[in-house]
Amino acid sequence: MIFSNVEVQKEYLIPETLPEGPYGSPRGKYSLVRNKSGPWQKGQRCYSAFNYENKGDHEDIPRLDPGAHKP
């Protein structure tokens, strides 16, 4: 049996809602705030609101927006 949803869950990371802490928190005041606390594993990536949800459905289809594919 293949557990593809578990495998995908390990590869795609959900960004933290407030990585810099609550409003007024000193966290990140003198150092950069990171979106991941552990080392990156092979194949891991963050979800983004600016990407296709199902990349497999959109492979090899160019975007129709002018200037979307600049060399």
PDB file of N, CA and C in Angstrom:
ATOM      1  N   MET A   1       0.845  -1.176   0.000  1.00  0.00           N
ATOM      2  CA  MET A   1       0.000   0.000   0.000  1.00  0.00           C
ATOM      3  C   MET A   1       0.894   1.244   0.000  1.00  0.00           C
ATOM      4  N   ILE A   2       0.538   2.212  -0.786  1.00  0.00           N
ATOM      5  CA  ILE A   2       1.320   3.443  -0.904  1.00  0.00           C
ATOM      6  C   ILE A   2       0.624   4.549  -0.125  1.00  0.00           C
ATOM      7  N   PHE A   3       1.384   5.225   0.713  1.00  0.00           N
ATOM      8  CA  PHE A   3       0.853   6.341   1.495  1.00  0.00           C
ATOM      9  C   PHE A   3       1.374   7.639   0.907  1.00  0.00           C
ATOM     10  N   SER A   4       0.867   8.010  -0.254  1.00  0.00           N
ATOM     11  CA  SER A   4       1.395   9.177  -0.954  1.00  0.00           C
ATOM     12  C   SER A   4       1.126  10.470  -0.202  1.00  0.00           C
ATOM     13  N   ASN A   5      -0.011  10.581   0.488  1.00  0.00           N
ATOM     14  CA  ASN A   5      -0.289  11.824   1.199  1.00  0.00           C
ATOM     15  C   ASN A   5       0.689  12.049   2.345  1.00  0.00           C
ATOM     16  N   VAL A   6       1.164  10.980   2.987  1.00  0.00           N
ATOM     17  CA  VAL A   6       2.162  11.109   4.050  1.00  0.00           C
ATOM     18  C   VAL A   6       3.503  11.511   3.453  1.00  0.00           C
ATOM     19  N   GLU A   7       3.849  10.942   2.313  1.00  0.00           N
ATOM     20  CA  GLU A   7       5.108  11.288   1.662  1.00  0.00           C
ATOM     21  C   GLU A   7       5.109  12.744   1.219  1.00  0.00           C
ATOM     22  N   VAL A   8       4.015  13.214   0.671  1.00  0.00           N
ATOM     23  CA  VAL A   8       3.912  14.607   0.245  1.00  0.00           C
ATOM     24  C   VAL A   8       3.961  15.535   1.447  1.00  0.00           C
ATOM     25  N   GLN A   9       3.355  15.128   2.544  1.00  0.00           N
ATOM     26  CA  GLN A   9       3.362  15.944   3.756  1.00  0.00           C
ATOM     27  C   GLN A   9       4.785  16.145   4.268  1.00  0.00           C
ATOM     28  N   LYS A  10       5.646  15.154   4.095  1.00  0.00           N
ATOM     29  CA  LYS A  10       7.040  15.286   4.519  1.00  0.00           C
ATOM     30  C   LYS A  10       7.819  16.209   3.596  1.00  0.00           C
ATOM     31  N   GLU A  11       7.439  16.276   2.320  1.00  0.00           N
ATOM     32  CA  GLU A  11       8.174  17.088   1.351  1.00  0.00           C
ATOM     33  C   GLU A  11       7.741  18.545   1.356  1.00  0.00           C
ATOM     34  N   TYR A  12       6.447  18.800   1.491  1.00  0.00           N
ATOM     35  CA  TYR A  12       5.942  20.172   1.458  1.00  0.00           C
ATOM     36  C   TYR A  12       5.784  20.697   2.877  1.00  0.00           C
ATOM     37  N   LEU A  13       6.369  21.829   3.151  1.00  0.00           N
ATOM     38  CA  LEU A  13       6.320  22.423   4.474  1.00  0.00           C
ATOM     39  C   LEU A  13       5.351  23.589   4.484  1.00  0.00           C
ATOM     40  N   ILE A  14       4.588  23.701   5.546  1.00  0.00           N
ATOM     41  CA  ILE A  14       3.651  24.805   5.698  1.00  0.00           C
ATOM     42  C   ILE A  14       4.370  25.923   6.437  1.00  0.00           C
ATOM     43  N   PRO A  15       4.395  27.129   5.882  1.00  0.00           N
ATOM     44  CA  PRO A  15       5.095  28.224   6.566  1.00  0.00           C
ATOM     45  C   PRO A  15       4.396  28.599   7.865  1.00  0.00           C
ATOM     46  N   GLU A  16       5.198  29.060   8.821  1.00  0.00           N
ATOM     47  CA  GLU A  16       4.636  29.496  10.095  1.00  0.00           C
ATOM     48  C   GLU A  16       3.790  30.742   9.888  1.00  0.00           C
ATOM     49  N   THR A  17       2.745  30.883  10.690  1.00  0.00           N
ATOM     50  CA  THR A  17       1.871  32.041  10.584  1.00  0.00           C
ATOM     51  C   THR A  17       2.586  33.302  11.043  1.00  0.00           C
ATOM     52  N   LEU A  18       3.233  33.232  12.178  1.00  0.00           N
ATOM     53  CA  LEU A  18       3.972  34.375  12.715  1.00  0.00           C
ATOM     54  C   LEU A  18       5.392  33.929  13.079  1.00  0.00           C
ATOM     55  N   PRO A  19       6.299  33.772  12.111  1.00  0.00           N
ATOM     56  CA  PRO A  19       7.644  33.288  12.434  1.00  0.00           C
ATOM     57  C   PRO A  19       8.440  34.250  13.305  1.00  0.00           C
ATOM     58  N   GLU A  20       8.068  35.520  13.313  1.00  0.00           N
ATOM     59  CA  GLU A  20       8.808  36.490  14.126  1.00  0.00           C
ATOM     60  C   GLU A  20       8.222  36.624  15.521  1.00  0.00           C
ATOM     61  N   GLY A  21       7.191  35.859  15.849  1.00  0.00           N
ATOM     62  CA  GLY A  21       6.599  35.896  17.178  1.00  0.00           C
ATOM     63  C   GLY A  21       5.447  36.873  17.251  1.00  0.00           C
ATOM     64  N   PRO A  22       4.850  37.023  18.440  1.00  0.00           N
ATOM     65  CA  PRO A  22       3.741  37.951  18.595  1.00  0.00           C
ATOM     66  C   PRO A  22       4.191  39.396  18.442  1.00  0.00           C
ATOM     67  N   TYR A  23       3.242  40.282  18.250  1.00  0.00           N
ATOM     68  CA  TYR A  23       3.542  41.701  18.057  1.00  0.00           C
ATOM     69  C   TYR A  23       4.346  42.233  19.239  1.00  0.00           C
ATOM     70  N   GLY A  24       5.448  42.912  18.946  1.00  0.00           N
ATOM     71  CA  GLY A  24       6.296  43.486  19.985  1.00  0.00           C
ATOM     72  C   GLY A  24       7.307  42.520  20.559  1.00  0.00           C
ATOM     73  N   SER A  25       7.359  41.304  20.049  1.00  0.00           N
ATOM     74  CA  SER A  25       8.289  40.305  20.562  1.00  0.00           C
ATOM     75  C   SER A  25       9.718  40.659  20.162  1.00  0.00           C
ATOM     76  N   PRO A  26      10.688  40.474  21.068  1.00  0.00           N
ATOM     77  CA  PRO A  26      12.080  40.773  20.718  1.00  0.00           C
ATOM     78  C   PRO A  26      12.715  39.722  19.811  1.00  0.00           C
ATOM     79  N   ARG A  27      12.008  38.617  19.551  1.00  0.00           N
ATOM     80  CA  ARG A  27      12.560  37.566  18.700  1.00  0.00           C
ATOM     81  C   ARG A  27      12.786  38.111  17.299  1.00  0.00           C
ATOM     82  N   GLY A  28      13.979  37.943  16.776  1.00  0.00           N
ATOM     83  CA  GLY A  28      14.303  38.413  15.437  1.00  0.00           C
ATOM     84  C   GLY A  28      14.674  39.879  15.369  1.00  0.00           C
ATOM     85  N   LYS A  29      14.827  40.517  16.509  1.00  0.00           N
ATOM     86  CA  LYS A  29      15.155  41.940  16.507  1.00  0.00           C
ATOM     87  C   LYS A  29      16.580  42.178  16.025  1.00  0.00           C
ATOM     88  N   TYR A  30      17.490  41.294  16.415  1.00  0.00           N
ATOM     89  CA  TYR A  30      18.900  41.468  16.061  1.00  0.00           C
ATOM     90  C   TYR A  30      19.428  40.374  15.134  1.00  0.00           C
ATOM     91  N   SER A  31      18.598  39.420  14.798  1.00  0.00           N
ATOM     92  CA  SER A  31      19.019  38.354  13.887  1.00  0.00           C
ATOM     93  C   SER A  31      17.885  38.071  12.906  1.00  0.00           C
ATOM     94  N   LEU A  32      18.228  37.454  11.799  1.00  0.00           N
ATOM     95  CA  LEU A  32      17.226  37.129  10.789  1.00  0.00           C
ATOM     96  C   LEU A  32      16.279  36.050  11.301  1.00  0.00           C
ATOM     97  N   VAL A  33      15.031  36.145  10.928  1.00  0.00           N
ATOM     98  CA  VAL A  33      14.037  35.140  11.289  1.00  0.00           C
ATOM     99  C   VAL A  33      14.033  34.080  10.199  1.00  0.00           C
ATOM    100  N   ARG A  34      14.143  32.826  10.596  1.00  0.00           N
ATOM    101  CA  ARG A  34      14.134  31.722   9.636  1.00  0.00           C
ATOM    102  C   ARG A  34      12.770  31.056   9.647  1.00  0.00           C
ATOM    103  N   ASN A  35      12.416  30.473   8.524  1.00  0.00           N
ATOM    104  CA  ASN A  35      11.113  29.812   8.447  1.00  0.00           C
ATOM    105  C   ASN A  35      11.197  28.315   8.703  1.00  0.00           C
ATOM    106  N   LYS A  36      12.384  27.823   9.067  1.00  0.00           N
ATOM    107  CA  LYS A  36      12.563  26.394   9.319  1.00  0.00           C
ATOM    108  C   LYS A  36      13.621  26.226  10.394  1.00  0.00           C
ATOM    109  N   SER A  37      13.337  25.420  11.405  1.00  0.00           N
ATOM    110  CA  SER A  37      14.267  25.276  12.522  1.00  0.00           C
ATOM    111  C   SER A  37      15.278  24.155  12.307  1.00  0.00           C
ATOM    112  N   GLY A  38      14.938  23.137  11.530  1.00  0.00           N
ATOM    113  CA  GLY A  38      15.842  22.018  11.299  1.00  0.00           C
ATOM    114  C   GLY A  38      16.499  22.103   9.935  1.00  0.00           C
ATOM    115  N   PRO A  39      17.413  21.179   9.655  1.00  0.00           N
ATOM    116  CA  PRO A  39      18.065  21.182   8.340  1.00  0.00           C
ATOM    117  C   PRO A  39      17.098  20.740   7.242  1.00  0.00           C
ATOM    118  N   TRP A  40      17.356  21.209   6.034  1.00  0.00           N
ATOM    119  CA  TRP A  40      16.517  20.843   4.894  1.00  0.00           C
ATOM    120  C   TRP A  40      16.805  19.403   4.493  1.00  0.00           C
ATOM    121  N   GLN A  41      15.751  18.651   4.219  1.00  0.00           N
ATOM    122  CA  GLN A  41      15.862  17.296   3.709  1.00  0.00           C
ATOM    123  C   GLN A  41      15.756  17.348   2.187  1.00  0.00           C
ATOM    124  N   LYS A  42      16.246  16.316   1.529  1.00  0.00           N
ATOM    125  CA  LYS A  42      16.175  16.264   0.074  1.00  0.00           C
ATOM    126  C   LYS A  42      14.716  16.243  -0.374  1.00  0.00           C
ATOM    127  N   GLY A  43      14.354  17.140  -1.285  1.00  0.00           N
ATOM    128  CA  GLY A  43      13.005  17.198  -1.833  1.00  0.00           C
ATOM    129  C   GLY A  43      12.045  18.085  -1.065  1.00  0.00           C
ATOM    130  N   GLN A  44      12.452  18.639   0.074  1.00  0.00           N
ATOM    131  CA  GLN A  44      11.552  19.499   0.840  1.00  0.00           C
ATOM    132  C   GLN A  44      11.441  20.870   0.210  1.00  0.00           C
ATOM    133  N   ARG A  45      10.256  21.464   0.297  1.00  0.00           N
ATOM    134  CA  ARG A  45      10.008  22.811  -0.200  1.00  0.00           C
ATOM    135  C   ARG A  45       8.796  23.378   0.515  1.00  0.00           C
ATOM    136  N   CYS A  46       8.656  24.665   0.462  1.00  0.00           N
ATOM    137  CA  CYS A  46       7.544  25.339   1.139  1.00  0.00           C
ATOM    138  C   CYS A  46       6.374  25.508   0.182  1.00  0.00           C
ATOM    139  N   TYR A  47       5.191  25.442   0.731  1.00  0.00           N
ATOM    140  CA  TYR A  47       4.015  25.805  -0.048  1.00  0.00           C
ATOM    141  C   TYR A  47       4.053  27.297  -0.328  1.00  0.00           C
ATOM    142  N   SER A  48       3.538  27.708  -1.452  1.00  0.00           N
ATOM    143  CA  SER A  48       3.477  29.116  -1.800  1.00  0.00           C
ATOM    144  C   SER A  48       2.113  29.414  -2.416  1.00  0.00           C
ATOM    145  N   ALA A  49       1.590  30.569  -2.109  1.00  0.00           N
ATOM    146  CA  ALA A  49       0.311  30.975  -2.682  1.00  0.00           C
ATOM    147  C   ALA A  49       0.451  31.385  -4.142  1.00  0.00           C
ATOM    148  N   PHE A  50       1.682  31.477  -4.623  1.00  0.00           N
ATOM    149  CA  PHE A  50       1.924  31.960  -5.976  1.00  0.00           C
ATOM    150  C   PHE A  50       2.316  30.849  -6.936  1.00  0.00           C
ATOM    151  N   ASN A  51       2.136  29.605  -6.555  1.00  0.00           N
ATOM    152  CA  ASN A  51       2.426  28.460  -7.406  1.00  0.00           C
ATOM    153  C   ASN A  51       1.141  27.712  -7.724  1.00  0.00           C
ATOM    154  N   TYR A  52       1.219  26.836  -8.724  1.00  0.00           N
ATOM    155  CA  TYR A  52       0.089  25.968  -9.025  1.00  0.00           C
ATOM    156  C   TYR A  52      -0.089  24.966  -7.894  1.00  0.00           C
ATOM    157  N   GLU A  53      -1.326  24.648  -7.570  1.00  0.00           N
ATOM    158  CA  GLU A  53      -1.578  23.669  -6.514  1.00  0.00           C
ATOM    159  C   GLU A  53      -1.178  22.270  -6.971  1.00  0.00           C
ATOM    160  N   ASN A  54      -1.580  21.907  -8.175  1.00  0.00           N
ATOM    161  CA  ASN A  54      -1.244  20.597  -8.734  1.00  0.00           C
ATOM    162  C   ASN A  54      -0.292  20.812  -9.902  1.00  0.00           C
ATOM    163  N   LYS A  55       0.996  20.777  -9.619  1.00  0.00           N
ATOM    164  CA  LYS A  55       1.985  21.077 -10.649  1.00  0.00           C
ATOM    165  C   LYS A  55       1.944  20.076 -11.797  1.00  0.00           C
ATOM    166  N   GLY A  56       1.576  18.836 -11.514  1.00  0.00           N
ATOM    167  CA  GLY A  56       1.512  17.828 -12.554  1.00  0.00           C
ATOM    168  C   GLY A  56       0.481  18.139 -13.626  1.00  0.00           C
ATOM    169  N   ASP A  57      -0.567  18.869 -13.264  1.00  0.00           N
ATOM    170  CA  ASP A  57      -1.606  19.220 -14.232  1.00  0.00           C
ATOM    171  C   ASP A  57      -1.189  20.360 -15.151  1.00  0.00           C
ATOM    172  N   HIS A  58      -0.121  21.059 -14.797  1.00  0.00           N
ATOM    173  CA  HIS A  58       0.264  22.252 -15.542  1.00  0.00           C
ATOM    174  C   HIS A  58       1.646  22.142 -16.178  1.00  0.00           C
ATOM    175  N   GLU A  59       2.193  20.946 -16.248  1.00  0.00           N
ATOM    176  CA  GLU A  59       3.522  20.773 -16.819  1.00  0.00           C
ATOM    177  C   GLU A  59       3.507  21.077 -18.312  1.00  0.00           C
ATOM    178  N   ASP A  60       4.535  21.757 -18.748  1.00  0.00           N
ATOM    179  CA  ASP A  60       4.757  22.090 -20.163  1.00  0.00           C
ATOM    180  C   ASP A  60       3.646  22.951 -20.762  1.00  0.00           C
ATOM    181  N   ILE A  61       2.906  23.666 -19.945  1.00  0.00           N
ATOM    182  CA  ILE A  61       1.898  24.598 -20.441  1.00  0.00           C
ATOM    183  C   ILE A  61       2.370  26.002 -20.086  1.00  0.00           C
ATOM    184  N   PRO A  62       2.717  26.817 -21.082  1.00  0.00           N
ATOM    185  CA  PRO A  62       3.213  28.163 -20.761  1.00  0.00           C
ATOM    186  C   PRO A  62       2.102  29.062 -20.235  1.00  0.00           C
ATOM    187  N   ARG A  63       2.478  30.002 -19.409  1.00  0.00           N
ATOM    188  CA  ARG A  63       1.521  30.983 -18.900  1.00  0.00           C
ATOM    189  C   ARG A  63       1.169  31.961 -20.009  1.00  0.00           C
ATOM    190  N   LEU A  64      -0.057  32.437 -19.989  1.00  0.00           N
ATOM    191  CA  LEU A  64      -0.530  33.334 -21.037  1.00  0.00           C
ATOM    192  C   LEU A  64      -0.321  34.800 -20.690  1.00  0.00           C
ATOM    193  N   ASP A  65       0.092  35.096 -19.468  1.00  0.00           N
ATOM    194  CA  ASP A  65       0.323  36.471 -19.043  1.00  0.00           C
ATOM    195  C   ASP A  65       1.561  37.020 -19.750  1.00  0.00           C
ATOM    196  N   PRO A  66       1.476  38.187 -20.407  1.00  0.00           N
ATOM    197  CA  PRO A  66       2.643  38.737 -21.095  1.00  0.00           C
ATOM    198  C   PRO A  66       3.781  39.009 -20.113  1.00  0.00           C
ATOM    199  N   GLY A  67       4.964  38.596 -20.489  1.00  0.00           N
ATOM    200  CA  GLY A  67       6.138  38.821 -19.655  1.00  0.00           C
ATOM    201  C   GLY A  67       6.306  37.824 -18.532  1.00  0.00           C
ATOM    202  N   ALA A  68       5.503  36.743 -18.503  1.00  0.00           N
ATOM    203  CA  ALA A  68       5.599  35.764 -17.424  1.00  0.00           C
ATOM    204  C   ALA A  68       6.849  34.906 -17.548  1.00  0.00           C
ATOM    205  N   HIS A  69       7.305  34.672 -18.759  1.00  0.00           N
ATOM    206  CA  HIS A  69       8.480  33.826 -18.978  1.00  0.00           C
ATOM    207  C   HIS A  69       9.604  34.657 -19.575  1.00  0.00           C
ATOM    208  N   LYS A  70      10.228  35.443 -18.745  1.00  0.00           N
ATOM    209  CA  LYS A  70      11.362  36.240 -19.223  1.00  0.00           C
ATOM    210  C   LYS A  70      12.618  35.380 -19.216  1.00  0.00           C
ATOM    211  N   PRO A  71      13.428  35.482 -20.264  1.00  0.00           N
ATOM    212  CA  PRO A  71      14.651  34.660 -20.323  1.00  0.00           C
ATOM    213  C   PRO A  71      15.692  35.098 -19.320  1.00  0.00           C
TER     214      PRO A  71
END
